[in-house]
């Protein structure tokens, strides 16, 4: 597991006993070219110097809770698709969600839209 992904759980739960499998995994970066956009968050998400991306959607205002769930799902699918357009393989894209229902919605949408494995 990449060191930036495991950093929090390693210190909070495992007393820093977790170790990365190897240096390639520990320091891996997202293999993309930089993308320019007028949308402020796009260059951050598709930054080839990043090795993990966390999106905080808590400030996104929606009229109903269901709208927020749909927005989370749509944004996640959009980002996954852009990674694939840039040449990433499905098996190299990991999506983590704190909420099981959100994860299930994303899994379903990816399977339907992109024949996701």
PDB file of N, CA and C in Angstrom:
ATOM      1  N   UNK A   1       0.845  -1.171   0.000  1.00  0.00           N
ATOM      2  CA  UNK A   1       0.000   0.000   0.000  1.00  0.00           C
ATOM      3  C   UNK A   1       0.892   1.236   0.000  1.00  0.00           C
ATOM      4  N   UNK A   2       0.492   2.247  -0.733  1.00  0.00           N
ATOM      5  CA  UNK A   2       1.225   3.498  -0.804  1.00  0.00           C
ATOM      6  C   UNK A   2       1.307   4.148   0.571  1.00  0.00           C
ATOM      7  N   UNK A   3       2.454   4.732   0.890  1.00  0.00           N
ATOM      8  CA  UNK A   3       2.657   5.285   2.228  1.00  0.00           C
ATOM      9  C   UNK A   3       1.674   6.398   2.588  1.00  0.00           C
ATOM     10  N   UNK A   4       1.265   7.203   1.600  1.00  0.00           N
ATOM     11  CA  UNK A   4       0.314   8.282   1.904  1.00  0.00           C
ATOM     12  C   UNK A   4      -1.089   7.756   2.190  1.00  0.00           C
ATOM     13  N   UNK A   5      -1.449   6.641   1.608  1.00  0.00           N
ATOM     14  CA  UNK A   5      -2.759   6.050   1.874  1.00  0.00           C
ATOM     15  C   UNK A   5      -2.783   5.429   3.263  1.00  0.00           C
ATOM     16  N   UNK A   6      -1.713   4.780   3.639  1.00  0.00           N
ATOM     17  CA  UNK A   6      -1.727   4.055   4.910  1.00  0.00           C
ATOM     18  C   UNK A   6      -1.274   4.889   6.109  1.00  0.00           C
ATOM     19  N   UNK A   7      -0.800   6.101   5.874  1.00  0.00           N
ATOM     20  CA  UNK A   7      -0.220   6.904   6.959  1.00  0.00           C
ATOM     21  C   UNK A   7      -1.168   7.068   8.151  1.00  0.00           C
ATOM     22  N   UNK A   8      -2.410   7.473   7.906  1.00  0.00           N
ATOM     23  CA  UNK A   8      -3.332   7.715   9.017  1.00  0.00           C
ATOM     24  C   UNK A   8      -3.640   6.433   9.793  1.00  0.00           C
ATOM     25  N   UNK A   9      -4.073   5.401   9.083  1.00  0.00           N
ATOM     26  CA  UNK A   9      -4.430   4.172   9.793  1.00  0.00           C
ATOM     27  C   UNK A   9      -3.217   3.553  10.477  1.00  0.00           C
ATOM     28  N   UNK A  10      -2.054   3.690   9.887  1.00  0.00           N
ATOM     29  CA  UNK A  10      -0.846   3.140  10.484  1.00  0.00           C
ATOM     30  C   UNK A  10      -0.552   3.804  11.828  1.00  0.00           C
ATOM     31  N   UNK A  11      -0.691   5.118  11.894  1.00  0.00           N
ATOM     32  CA  UNK A  11      -0.400   5.803  13.159  1.00  0.00           C
ATOM     33  C   UNK A  11      -1.561   5.692  14.150  1.00  0.00           C
ATOM     34  N   UNK A  12      -2.784   5.753  13.660  1.00  0.00           N
ATOM     35  CA  UNK A  12      -3.945   5.757  14.559  1.00  0.00           C
ATOM     36  C   UNK A  12      -4.303   4.374  15.097  1.00  0.00           C
ATOM     37  N   UNK A  13      -4.082   3.344  14.294  1.00  0.00           N
ATOM     38  CA  UNK A  13      -4.552   2.016  14.666  1.00  0.00           C
ATOM     39  C   UNK A  13      -3.406   1.023  14.885  1.00  0.00           C
ATOM     40  N   UNK A  14      -2.394   1.073  14.053  1.00  0.00           N
ATOM     41  CA  UNK A  14      -1.373   0.028  14.049  1.00  0.00           C
ATOM     42  C   UNK A  14      -0.062   0.420  14.724  1.00  0.00           C
ATOM     43  N   UNK A  15      -0.025   1.542  15.404  1.00  0.00           N
ATOM     44  CA  UNK A  15       1.164   1.985  16.135  1.00  0.00           C
ATOM     45  C   UNK A  15       2.410   1.969  15.236  1.00  0.00           C
ATOM     46  N   UNK A  16       2.208   2.405  13.975  1.00  0.00           N
ATOM     47  CA  UNK A  16       3.291   2.509  12.980  1.00  0.00           C
ATOM     48  C   UNK A  16       4.003   1.193  12.681  1.00  0.00           C
ATOM     49  N   UNK A  17       3.307   0.066  12.803  1.00  0.00           N
ATOM     50  CA  UNK A  17       3.897  -1.241  12.503  1.00  0.00           C
ATOM     51  C   UNK A  17       3.719  -1.647  11.043  1.00  0.00           C
ATOM     52  N   UNK A  18       2.788  -1.001  10.326  1.00  0.00           N
ATOM     53  CA  UNK A  18       2.577  -1.355   8.921  1.00  0.00           C
ATOM     54  C   UNK A  18       3.769  -0.884   8.084  1.00  0.00           C
ATOM     55  N   UNK A  19       4.135  -1.683   7.107  1.00  0.00           N
ATOM     56  CA  UNK A  19       5.238  -1.352   6.207  1.00  0.00           C
ATOM     57  C   UNK A  19       4.757  -1.490   4.766  1.00  0.00           C
ATOM     58  N   UNK A  20       5.327  -0.693   3.886  1.00  0.00           N
ATOM     59  CA  UNK A  20       5.002  -0.786   2.469  1.00  0.00           C
ATOM     60  C   UNK A  20       5.678  -2.015   1.869  1.00  0.00           C
ATOM     61  N   UNK A  21       5.039  -2.596   0.864  1.00  0.00           N
ATOM     62  CA  UNK A  21       5.549  -3.819   0.249  1.00  0.00           C
ATOM     63  C   UNK A  21       6.931  -3.618  -0.360  1.00  0.00           C
ATOM     64  N   UNK A  22       7.116  -2.520  -1.047  1.00  0.00           N
ATOM     65  CA  UNK A  22       8.409  -2.213  -1.669  1.00  0.00           C
ATOM     66  C   UNK A  22       8.440  -0.726  -2.014  1.00  0.00           C
ATOM     67  N   UNK A  23       9.586  -0.228  -2.463  1.00  0.00           N
ATOM     68  CA  UNK A  23       9.717   1.203  -2.754  1.00  0.00           C
ATOM     69  C   UNK A  23       8.824   1.653  -3.903  1.00  0.00           C
ATOM     70  N   UNK A  24       8.602   0.789  -4.891  1.00  0.00           N
ATOM     71  CA  UNK A  24       7.743   1.155  -6.019  1.00  0.00           C
ATOM     72  C   UNK A  24       6.323   1.421  -5.529  1.00  0.00           C
ATOM     73  N   UNK A  25       5.827   0.566  -4.660  1.00  0.00           N
ATOM     74  CA  UNK A  25       4.489   0.743  -4.096  1.00  0.00           C
ATOM     75  C   UNK A  25       4.478   1.936  -3.140  1.00  0.00           C
ATOM     76  N   UNK A  26       5.484   2.037  -2.318  1.00  0.00           N
ATOM     77  CA  UNK A  26       5.541   3.086  -1.304  1.00  0.00           C
ATOM     78  C   UNK A  26       5.518   4.482  -1.906  1.00  0.00           C
ATOM     79  N   UNK A  27       6.221   4.689  -3.004  1.00  0.00           N
ATOM     80  CA  UNK A  27       6.370   6.030  -3.562  1.00  0.00           C
ATOM     81  C   UNK A  27       5.668   6.214  -4.900  1.00  0.00           C
ATOM     82  N   UNK A  28       4.856   5.266  -5.300  1.00  0.00           N
ATOM     83  CA  UNK A  28       4.217   5.321  -6.605  1.00  0.00           C
ATOM     84  C   UNK A  28       3.427   6.595  -6.833  1.00  0.00           C
ATOM     85  N   UNK A  29       3.427   7.056  -8.065  1.00  0.00           N
ATOM     86  CA  UNK A  29       2.674   8.247  -8.468  1.00  0.00           C
ATOM     87  C   UNK A  29       1.636   7.853  -9.513  1.00  0.00           C
ATOM     88  N   UNK A  30       0.664   8.698  -9.683  1.00  0.00           N
ATOM     89  CA  UNK A  30      -0.368   8.464 -10.685  1.00  0.00           C
ATOM     90  C   UNK A  30       0.246   8.722 -12.062  1.00  0.00           C
ATOM     91  N   UNK A  31       0.241   7.722 -12.952  1.00  0.00           N
ATOM     92  CA  UNK A  31       0.923   7.858 -14.246  1.00  0.00           C
ATOM     93  C   UNK A  31       0.088   8.621 -15.280  1.00  0.00           C
ATOM     94  N   UNK A  32      -0.010   9.911 -15.086  1.00  0.00           N
ATOM     95  CA  UNK A  32      -0.802  10.752 -15.981  1.00  0.00           C
ATOM     96  C   UNK A  32       0.031  11.932 -16.443  1.00  0.00           C
ATOM     97  N   UNK A  33      -0.433  12.552 -17.504  1.00  0.00           N
ATOM     98  CA  UNK A  33       0.123  13.847 -17.880  1.00  0.00           C
ATOM     99  C   UNK A  33      -0.751  14.908 -17.226  1.00  0.00           C
ATOM    100  N   UNK A  34      -0.188  16.059 -16.976  1.00  0.00           N
ATOM    101  CA  UNK A  34      -0.948  17.142 -16.336  1.00  0.00           C
ATOM    102  C   UNK A  34      -2.089  17.576 -17.248  1.00  0.00           C
ATOM    103  N   UNK A  35      -3.213  17.863 -16.653  1.00  0.00           N
ATOM    104  CA  UNK A  35      -4.390  18.306 -17.391  1.00  0.00           C
ATOM    105  C   UNK A  35      -4.701  19.737 -16.979  1.00  0.00           C
ATOM    106  N   UNK A  36      -4.901  20.585 -17.966  1.00  0.00           N
ATOM    107  CA  UNK A  36      -5.276  21.970 -17.674  1.00  0.00           C
ATOM    108  C   UNK A  36      -6.777  22.108 -17.820  1.00  0.00           C
ATOM    109  N   UNK A  37      -7.354  22.958 -16.993  1.00  0.00           N
ATOM    110  CA  UNK A  37      -8.800  23.139 -17.029  1.00  0.00           C
ATOM    111  C   UNK A  37      -9.164  24.453 -16.360  1.00  0.00           C
ATOM    112  N   UNK A  38     -10.302  25.000 -16.750  1.00  0.00           N
ATOM    113  CA  UNK A  38     -10.838  26.192 -16.090  1.00  0.00           C
ATOM    114  C   UNK A  38     -11.552  25.823 -14.795  1.00  0.00           C
ATOM    115  N   UNK A  39     -11.789  24.549 -14.580  1.00  0.00           N
ATOM    116  CA  UNK A  39     -12.434  24.087 -13.348  1.00  0.00           C
ATOM    117  C   UNK A  39     -11.330  23.922 -12.317  1.00  0.00           C
ATOM    118  N   UNK A  40     -11.423  24.638 -11.219  1.00  0.00           N
ATOM    119  CA  UNK A  40     -10.313  24.770 -10.276  1.00  0.00           C
ATOM    120  C   UNK A  40      -9.797  23.450  -9.710  1.00  0.00           C
ATOM    121  N   UNK A  41     -10.643  22.450  -9.499  1.00  0.00           N
ATOM    122  CA  UNK A  41     -10.205  21.223  -8.852  1.00  0.00           C
ATOM    123  C   UNK A  41      -9.630  20.197  -9.820  1.00  0.00           C
ATOM    124  N   UNK A  42      -9.848  20.363 -11.107  1.00  0.00           N
ATOM    125  CA  UNK A  42      -9.386  19.372 -12.097  1.00  0.00           C
ATOM    126  C   UNK A  42      -7.857  19.209 -12.098  1.00  0.00           C
ATOM    127  N   UNK A  43      -7.064  20.285 -12.168  1.00  0.00           N
ATOM    128  CA  UNK A  43      -5.609  20.080 -12.154  1.00  0.00           C
ATOM    129  C   UNK A  43      -5.103  19.406 -10.882  1.00  0.00           C
ATOM    130  N   UNK A  44      -5.760  19.637  -9.764  1.00  0.00           N
ATOM    131  CA  UNK A  44      -5.363  18.998  -8.514  1.00  0.00           C
ATOM    132  C   UNK A  44      -5.596  17.496  -8.582  1.00  0.00           C
ATOM    133  N   UNK A  45      -6.750  17.092  -9.078  1.00  0.00           N
ATOM    134  CA  UNK A  45      -7.093  15.674  -9.159  1.00  0.00           C
ATOM    135  C   UNK A  45      -6.188  14.941 -10.140  1.00  0.00           C
ATOM    136  N   UNK A  46      -5.883  15.567 -11.260  1.00  0.00           N
ATOM    137  CA  UNK A  46      -5.095  14.904 -12.296  1.00  0.00           C
ATOM    138  C   UNK A  46      -3.638  15.373 -12.293  1.00  0.00           C
ATOM    139  N   UNK A  47      -3.104  15.603 -11.125  1.00  0.00           N
ATOM    140  CA  UNK A  47      -1.719  16.023 -10.955  1.00  0.00           C
ATOM    141  C   UNK A  47      -0.817  14.785 -10.968  1.00  0.00           C
ATOM    142  N   UNK A  48       0.073  14.674 -11.955  1.00  0.00           N
ATOM    143  CA  UNK A  48       0.914  13.469 -12.045  1.00  0.00           C
ATOM    144  C   UNK A  48       1.913  13.325 -10.895  1.00  0.00           C
ATOM    145  N   UNK A  49       2.074  14.352 -10.085  1.00  0.00           N
ATOM    146  CA  UNK A  49       2.978  14.262  -8.935  1.00  0.00           C
ATOM    147  C   UNK A  49       2.300  13.687  -7.700  1.00  0.00           C
ATOM    148  N   UNK A  50       1.003  13.488  -7.767  1.00  0.00           N
ATOM    149  CA  UNK A  50       0.255  12.938  -6.627  1.00  0.00           C
ATOM    150  C   UNK A  50       0.314  11.421  -6.654  1.00  0.00           C
ATOM    151  N   UNK A  51       0.306  10.826  -5.469  1.00  0.00           N
ATOM    152  CA  UNK A  51       0.230   9.369  -5.415  1.00  0.00           C
ATOM    153  C   UNK A  51      -1.051   8.908  -4.755  1.00  0.00           C
ATOM    154  N   UNK A  52      -1.828   9.843  -4.265  1.00  0.00           N
ATOM    155  CA  UNK A  52      -3.153   9.538  -3.738  1.00  0.00           C
ATOM    156  C   UNK A  52      -3.968  10.830  -3.798  1.00  0.00           C
ATOM    157  N   UNK A  53      -5.247  10.697  -4.040  1.00  0.00           N
ATOM    158  CA  UNK A  53      -6.118  11.856  -4.152  1.00  0.00           C
ATOM    159  C   UNK A  53      -7.293  11.676  -3.210  1.00  0.00           C
ATOM    160  N   UNK A  54      -7.523  12.673  -2.380  1.00  0.00           N
ATOM    161  CA  UNK A  54      -8.691  12.683  -1.506  1.00  0.00           C
ATOM    162  C   UNK A  54      -9.532  13.882  -1.890  1.00  0.00           C
ATOM    163  N   UNK A  55     -10.800  13.659  -2.147  1.00  0.00           N
ATOM    164  CA  UNK A  55     -11.709  14.758  -2.463  1.00  0.00           C
ATOM    165  C   UNK A  55     -12.683  14.950  -1.316  1.00  0.00           C
ATOM    166  N   UNK A  56     -12.732  16.142  -0.795  1.00  0.00           N
ATOM    167  CA  UNK A  56     -13.678  16.482   0.265  1.00  0.00           C
ATOM    168  C   UNK A  56     -14.859  17.185  -0.386  1.00  0.00           C
ATOM    169  N   UNK A  57     -15.971  16.486  -0.455  1.00  0.00           N
ATOM    170  CA  UNK A  57     -17.162  17.044  -1.076  1.00  0.00           C
ATOM    171  C   UNK A  57     -18.135  17.609  -0.051  1.00  0.00           C
ATOM    172  N   UNK A  58     -17.688  17.759   1.182  1.00  0.00           N
ATOM    173  CA  UNK A  58     -18.594  18.202   2.246  1.00  0.00           C
ATOM    174  C   UNK A  58     -19.112  19.614   2.027  1.00  0.00           C
ATOM    175  N   UNK A  59     -18.416  20.414   1.251  1.00  0.00           N
ATOM    176  CA  UNK A  59     -18.863  21.784   1.021  1.00  0.00           C
ATOM    177  C   UNK A  59     -19.773  21.914  -0.193  1.00  0.00           C
ATOM    178  N   UNK A  60     -19.947  20.821  -0.900  1.00  0.00           N
ATOM    179  CA  UNK A  60     -20.822  20.842  -2.064  1.00  0.00           C
ATOM    180  C   UNK A  60     -22.266  20.925  -1.573  1.00  0.00           C
ATOM    181  N   UNK A  61     -22.969  21.931  -2.024  1.00  0.00           N
ATOM    182  CA  UNK A  61     -24.347  22.126  -1.565  1.00  0.00           C
ATOM    183  C   UNK A  61     -25.301  21.436  -2.530  1.00  0.00           C
ATOM    184  N   UNK A  62     -26.173  20.649  -1.976  1.00  0.00           N
ATOM    185  CA  UNK A  62     -27.208  19.978  -2.759  1.00  0.00           C
ATOM    186  C   UNK A  62     -28.554  20.249  -2.103  1.00  0.00           C
ATOM    187  N   UNK A  63     -29.587  20.207  -2.900  1.00  0.00           N
ATOM    188  CA  UNK A  63     -30.915  20.480  -2.358  1.00  0.00           C
ATOM    189  C   UNK A  63     -31.398  19.376  -1.437  1.00  0.00           C
ATOM    190  N   UNK A  64     -31.016  18.139  -1.745  1.00  0.00           N
ATOM    191  CA  UNK A  64     -31.448  16.987  -0.955  1.00  0.00           C
ATOM    192  C   UNK A  64     -30.257  16.064  -0.737  1.00  0.00           C
ATOM    193  N   UNK A  65     -30.335  15.263   0.288  1.00  0.00           N
ATOM    194  CA  UNK A  65     -29.260  14.310   0.577  1.00  0.00           C
ATOM    195  C   UNK A  65     -29.035  13.385  -0.621  1.00  0.00           C
ATOM    196  N   UNK A  66     -30.095  12.974  -1.268  1.00  0.00           N
ATOM    197  CA  UNK A  66     -29.983  12.072  -2.423  1.00  0.00           C
ATOM    198  C   UNK A  66     -29.180  12.724  -3.550  1.00  0.00           C
ATOM    199  N   UNK A  67     -29.335  14.039  -3.718  1.00  0.00           N
ATOM    200  CA  UNK A  67     -28.564  14.746  -4.743  1.00  0.00           C
ATOM    201  C   UNK A  67     -27.072  14.654  -4.448  1.00  0.00           C
ATOM    202  N   UNK A  68     -26.695  14.771  -3.186  1.00  0.00           N
ATOM    203  CA  UNK A  68     -25.294  14.679  -2.802  1.00  0.00           C
ATOM    204  C   UNK A  68     -24.752  13.291  -3.113  1.00  0.00           C
ATOM    205  N   UNK A  69     -25.525  12.242  -2.814  1.00  0.00           N
ATOM    206  CA  UNK A  69     -25.081  10.877  -3.129  1.00  0.00           C
ATOM    207  C   UNK A  69     -24.866  10.717  -4.629  1.00  0.00           C
ATOM    208  N   UNK A  70     -25.810  11.231  -5.429  1.00  0.00           N
ATOM    209  CA  UNK A  70     -25.668  11.137  -6.874  1.00  0.00           C
ATOM    210  C   UNK A  70     -24.456  11.921  -7.362  1.00  0.00           C
ATOM    211  N   UNK A  71     -24.223  13.089  -6.775  1.00  0.00           N
ATOM    212  CA  UNK A  71     -23.078  13.899  -7.157  1.00  0.00           C
ATOM    213  C   UNK A  71     -21.776  13.165  -6.843  1.00  0.00           C
ATOM    214  N   UNK A  72     -21.674  12.571  -5.663  1.00  0.00           N
ATOM    215  CA  UNK A  72     -20.484  11.793  -5.300  1.00  0.00           C
ATOM    216  C   UNK A  72     -20.234  10.705  -6.333  1.00  0.00           C
ATOM    217  N   UNK A  73     -21.272   9.996  -6.681  1.00  0.00           N
ATOM    218  CA  UNK A  73     -21.178   8.894  -7.633  1.00  0.00           C
ATOM    219  C   UNK A  73     -20.763   9.413  -9.017  1.00  0.00           C
ATOM    220  N   UNK A  74     -21.405  10.467  -9.479  1.00  0.00           N
ATOM    221  CA  UNK A  74     -21.084  11.018 -10.795  1.00  0.00           C
ATOM    222  C   UNK A  74     -19.646  11.517 -10.873  1.00  0.00           C
ATOM    223  N   UNK A  75     -19.204  12.223  -9.847  1.00  0.00           N
ATOM    224  CA  UNK A  75     -17.833  12.731  -9.843  1.00  0.00           C
ATOM    225  C   UNK A  75     -16.815  11.591  -9.803  1.00  0.00           C
ATOM    226  N   UNK A  76     -17.092  10.583  -8.998  1.00  0.00           N
ATOM    227  CA  UNK A  76     -16.179   9.445  -8.907  1.00  0.00           C
ATOM    228  C   UNK A  76     -16.085   8.724 -10.244  1.00  0.00           C
ATOM    229  N   UNK A  77     -17.215   8.504 -10.899  1.00  0.00           N
ATOM    230  CA  UNK A  77     -17.223   7.845 -12.214  1.00  0.00           C
ATOM    231  C   UNK A  77     -16.511   8.705 -13.255  1.00  0.00           C
ATOM    232  N   UNK A  78     -16.731  10.021 -13.217  1.00  0.00           N
ATOM    233  CA  UNK A  78     -16.064  10.928 -14.146  1.00  0.00           C
ATOM    234  C   UNK A  78     -14.545  10.838 -13.982  1.00  0.00           C
ATOM    235  N   UNK A  79     -14.086  10.873 -12.749  1.00  0.00           N
ATOM    236  CA  UNK A  79     -12.650  10.830 -12.480  1.00  0.00           C
ATOM    237  C   UNK A  79     -12.062   9.487 -12.911  1.00  0.00           C
ATOM    238  N   UNK A  80     -12.745   8.390 -12.598  1.00  0.00           N
ATOM    239  CA  UNK A  80     -12.264   7.067 -13.007  1.00  0.00           C
ATOM    240  C   UNK A  80     -12.165   6.987 -14.532  1.00  0.00           C
ATOM    241  N   UNK A  81     -13.172   7.503 -15.220  1.00  0.00           N
ATOM    242  CA  UNK A  81     -13.163   7.479 -16.687  1.00  0.00           C
ATOM    243  C   UNK A  81     -11.988   8.296 -17.230  1.00  0.00           C
ATOM    244  N   UNK A  82     -11.734   9.456 -16.644  1.00  0.00           N
ATOM    245  CA  UNK A  82     -10.620  10.287 -17.106  1.00  0.00           C
ATOM    246  C   UNK A  82      -9.279   9.589 -16.888  1.00  0.00           C
ATOM    247  N   UNK A  83      -9.145   8.864 -15.784  1.00  0.00           N
ATOM    248  CA  UNK A  83      -7.921   8.089 -15.569  1.00  0.00           C
ATOM    249  C   UNK A  83      -7.749   7.062 -16.680  1.00  0.00           C
ATOM    250  N   UNK A  84      -8.840   6.398 -17.064  1.00  0.00           N
ATOM    251  CA  UNK A  84      -8.761   5.385 -18.116  1.00  0.00           C
ATOM    252  C   UNK A  84      -8.464   6.033 -19.468  1.00  0.00           C
ATOM    253  N   UNK A  85      -9.061   7.190 -19.745  1.00  0.00           N
ATOM    254  CA  UNK A  85      -8.781   7.915 -20.983  1.00  0.00           C
ATOM    255  C   UNK A  85      -7.302   8.275 -21.063  1.00  0.00           C
ATOM    256  N   UNK A  86      -6.702   8.576 -19.923  1.00  0.00           N
ATOM    257  CA  UNK A  86      -5.281   8.914 -19.855  1.00  0.00           C
ATOM    258  C   UNK A  86      -4.380   7.676 -19.930  1.00  0.00           C
ATOM    259  N   UNK A  87      -4.982   6.493 -19.974  1.00  0.00           N
ATOM    260  CA  UNK A  87      -4.192   5.281 -20.164  1.00  0.00           C
ATOM    261  C   UNK A  87      -4.059   4.376 -18.957  1.00  0.00           C
ATOM    262  N   UNK A  88      -4.679   4.738 -17.843  1.00  0.00           N
ATOM    263  CA  UNK A  88      -4.604   3.852 -16.673  1.00  0.00           C
ATOM    264  C   UNK A  88      -5.495   2.643 -16.877  1.00  0.00           C
ATOM    265  N   UNK A  89      -5.078   1.513 -16.339  1.00  0.00           N
ATOM    266  CA  UNK A  89      -5.885   0.302 -16.384  1.00  0.00           C
ATOM    267  C   UNK A  89      -6.853   0.300 -15.201  1.00  0.00           C
ATOM    268  N   UNK A  90      -7.998  -0.331 -15.400  1.00  0.00           N
ATOM    269  CA  UNK A  90      -8.993  -0.422 -14.322  1.00  0.00           C
ATOM    270  C   UNK A  90      -8.385  -0.989 -13.046  1.00  0.00           C
ATOM    271  N   UNK A  91      -7.565  -2.020 -13.195  1.00  0.00           N
ATOM    272  CA  UNK A  91      -7.020  -2.685 -12.010  1.00  0.00           C
ATOM    273  C   UNK A  91      -6.012  -1.820 -11.246  1.00  0.00           C
ATOM    274  N   UNK A  92      -5.595  -0.703 -11.843  1.00  0.00           N
ATOM    275  CA  UNK A  92      -4.680   0.217 -11.169  1.00  0.00           C
ATOM    276  C   UNK A  92      -5.394   1.383 -10.498  1.00  0.00           C
ATOM    277  N   UNK A  93      -6.703   1.406 -10.587  1.00  0.00           N
ATOM    278  CA  UNK A  93      -7.496   2.483  -9.986  1.00  0.00           C
ATOM    279  C   UNK A  93      -8.204   1.932  -8.756  1.00  0.00           C
ATOM    280  N   UNK A  94      -7.937   2.536  -7.617  1.00  0.00           N
ATOM    281  CA  UNK A  94      -8.593   2.132  -6.378  1.00  0.00           C
ATOM    282  C   UNK A  94      -9.510   3.238  -5.892  1.00  0.00           C
ATOM    283  N   UNK A  95     -10.710   2.875  -5.528  1.00  0.00           N
ATOM    284  CA  UNK A  95     -11.683   3.852  -5.038  1.00  0.00           C
ATOM    285  C   UNK A  95     -12.082   3.446  -3.629  1.00  0.00           C
ATOM    286  N   UNK A  96     -11.889   4.358  -2.701  1.00  0.00           N
ATOM    287  CA  UNK A  96     -12.213   4.109  -1.298  1.00  0.00           C
ATOM    288  C   UNK A  96     -13.311   5.078  -0.886  1.00  0.00           C
ATOM    289  N   UNK A  97     -14.307   4.573  -0.201  1.00  0.00           N
ATOM    290  CA  UNK A  97     -15.382   5.423   0.308  1.00  0.00           C
ATOM    291  C   UNK A  97     -15.644   5.069   1.758  1.00  0.00           C
ATOM    292  N   UNK A  98     -15.892   6.088   2.557  1.00  0.00           N
ATOM    293  CA  UNK A  98     -16.174   5.851   3.973  1.00  0.00           C
ATOM    294  C   UNK A  98     -17.541   5.216   4.177  1.00  0.00           C
ATOM    295  N   UNK A  99     -18.435   5.408   3.230  1.00  0.00           N
ATOM    296  CA  UNK A  99     -19.800   4.909   3.371  1.00  0.00           C
ATOM    297  C   UNK A  99     -20.050   3.732   2.435  1.00  0.00           C
ATOM    298  N   UNK A 100     -20.533   2.641   2.971  1.00  0.00           N
ATOM    299  CA  UNK A 100     -20.790   1.429   2.193  1.00  0.00           C
ATOM    300  C   UNK A 100     -21.789   1.687   1.074  1.00  0.00           C
ATOM    301  N   UNK A 101     -22.854   2.436   1.353  1.00  0.00           N
ATOM    302  CA  UNK A 101     -23.853   2.721   0.317  1.00  0.00           C
ATOM    303  C   UNK A 101     -23.253   3.504  -0.845  1.00  0.00           C
ATOM    304  N   UNK A 102     -22.388   4.480  -0.535  1.00  0.00           N
ATOM    305  CA  UNK A 102     -21.736   5.238  -1.605  1.00  0.00           C
ATOM    306  C   UNK A 102     -20.870   4.312  -2.448  1.00  0.00           C
ATOM    307  N   UNK A 103     -20.144   3.430  -1.792  1.00  0.00           N
ATOM    308  CA  UNK A 103     -19.275   2.494  -2.510  1.00  0.00           C
ATOM    309  C   UNK A 103     -20.104   1.584  -3.430  1.00  0.00           C
ATOM    310  N   UNK A 104     -21.234   1.090  -2.922  1.00  0.00           N
ATOM    311  CA  UNK A 104     -22.101   0.226  -3.733  1.00  0.00           C
ATOM    312  C   UNK A 104     -22.643   0.991  -4.937  1.00  0.00           C
ATOM    313  N   UNK A 105     -23.054   2.244  -4.741  1.00  0.00           N
ATOM    314  CA  UNK A 105     -23.575   3.063  -5.846  1.00  0.00           C
ATOM    315  C   UNK A 105     -22.497   3.296  -6.904  1.00  0.00           C
ATOM    316  N   UNK A 106     -21.289   3.567  -6.471  1.00  0.00           N
ATOM    317  CA  UNK A 106     -20.188   3.777  -7.412  1.00  0.00           C
ATOM    318  C   UNK A 106     -19.871   2.486  -8.149  1.00  0.00           C
ATOM    319  N   UNK A 107     -19.797   1.371  -7.442  1.00  0.00           N
ATOM    320  CA  UNK A 107     -19.534   0.079  -8.091  1.00  0.00           C
ATOM    321  C   UNK A 107     -20.566  -0.210  -9.176  1.00  0.00           C
ATOM    322  N   UNK A 108     -21.835  -0.018  -8.842  1.00  0.00           N
ATOM    323  CA  UNK A 108     -22.908  -0.273  -9.801  1.00  0.00           C
ATOM    324  C   UNK A 108     -22.791   0.640 -11.010  1.00  0.00           C
ATOM    325  N   UNK A 109     -22.573   1.921 -10.771  1.00  0.00           N
ATOM    326  CA  UNK A 109     -22.467   2.881 -11.877  1.00  0.00           C
ATOM    327  C   UNK A 109     -21.269   2.567 -12.773  1.00  0.00           C
ATOM    328  N   UNK A 110     -20.152   2.205 -12.192  1.00  0.00           N
ATOM    329  CA  UNK A 110     -18.977   1.882 -12.995  1.00  0.00           C
ATOM    330  C   UNK A 110     -19.191   0.620 -13.822  1.00  0.00           C
ATOM    331  N   UNK A 111     -19.860  -0.349 -13.240  1.00  0.00           N
ATOM    332  CA  UNK A 111     -20.151  -1.589 -13.992  1.00  0.00           C
ATOM    333  C   UNK A 111     -21.065  -1.303 -15.180  1.00  0.00           C
ATOM    334  N   UNK A 112     -22.062  -0.475 -14.959  1.00  0.00           N
ATOM    335  CA  UNK A 112     -23.030  -0.156 -16.028  1.00  0.00           C
ATOM    336  C   UNK A 112     -22.395   0.728 -17.103  1.00  0.00           C
ATOM    337  N   UNK A 113     -21.708   1.787 -16.686  1.00  0.00           N
ATOM    338  CA  UNK A 113     -21.180   2.758 -17.629  1.00  0.00           C
ATOM    339  C   UNK A 113     -19.929   2.305 -18.359  1.00  0.00           C
ATOM    340  N   UNK A 114     -19.058   1.573 -17.662  1.00  0.00           N
ATOM    341  CA  UNK A 114     -17.746   1.284 -18.226  1.00  0.00           C
ATOM    342  C   UNK A 114     -17.389  -0.196 -18.235  1.00  0.00           C
ATOM    343  N   UNK A 115     -18.360  -1.055 -18.002  1.00  0.00           N
ATOM    344  CA  UNK A 115     -18.090  -2.480 -17.948  1.00  0.00           C
ATOM    345  C   UNK A 115     -16.960  -2.760 -16.948  1.00  0.00           C
ATOM    346  N   UNK A 116     -17.022  -2.069 -15.812  1.00  0.00           N
ATOM    347  CA  UNK A 116     -16.004  -2.154 -14.761  1.00  0.00           C
ATOM    348  C   UNK A 116     -15.990  -3.568 -14.196  1.00  0.00           C
ATOM    349  N   UNK A 117     -14.819  -4.072 -13.907  1.00  0.00           N
ATOM    350  CA  UNK A 117     -14.687  -5.430 -13.377  1.00  0.00           C
ATOM    351  C   UNK A 117     -15.110  -5.500 -11.936  1.00  0.00           C
TER     352      UNK A 117
END
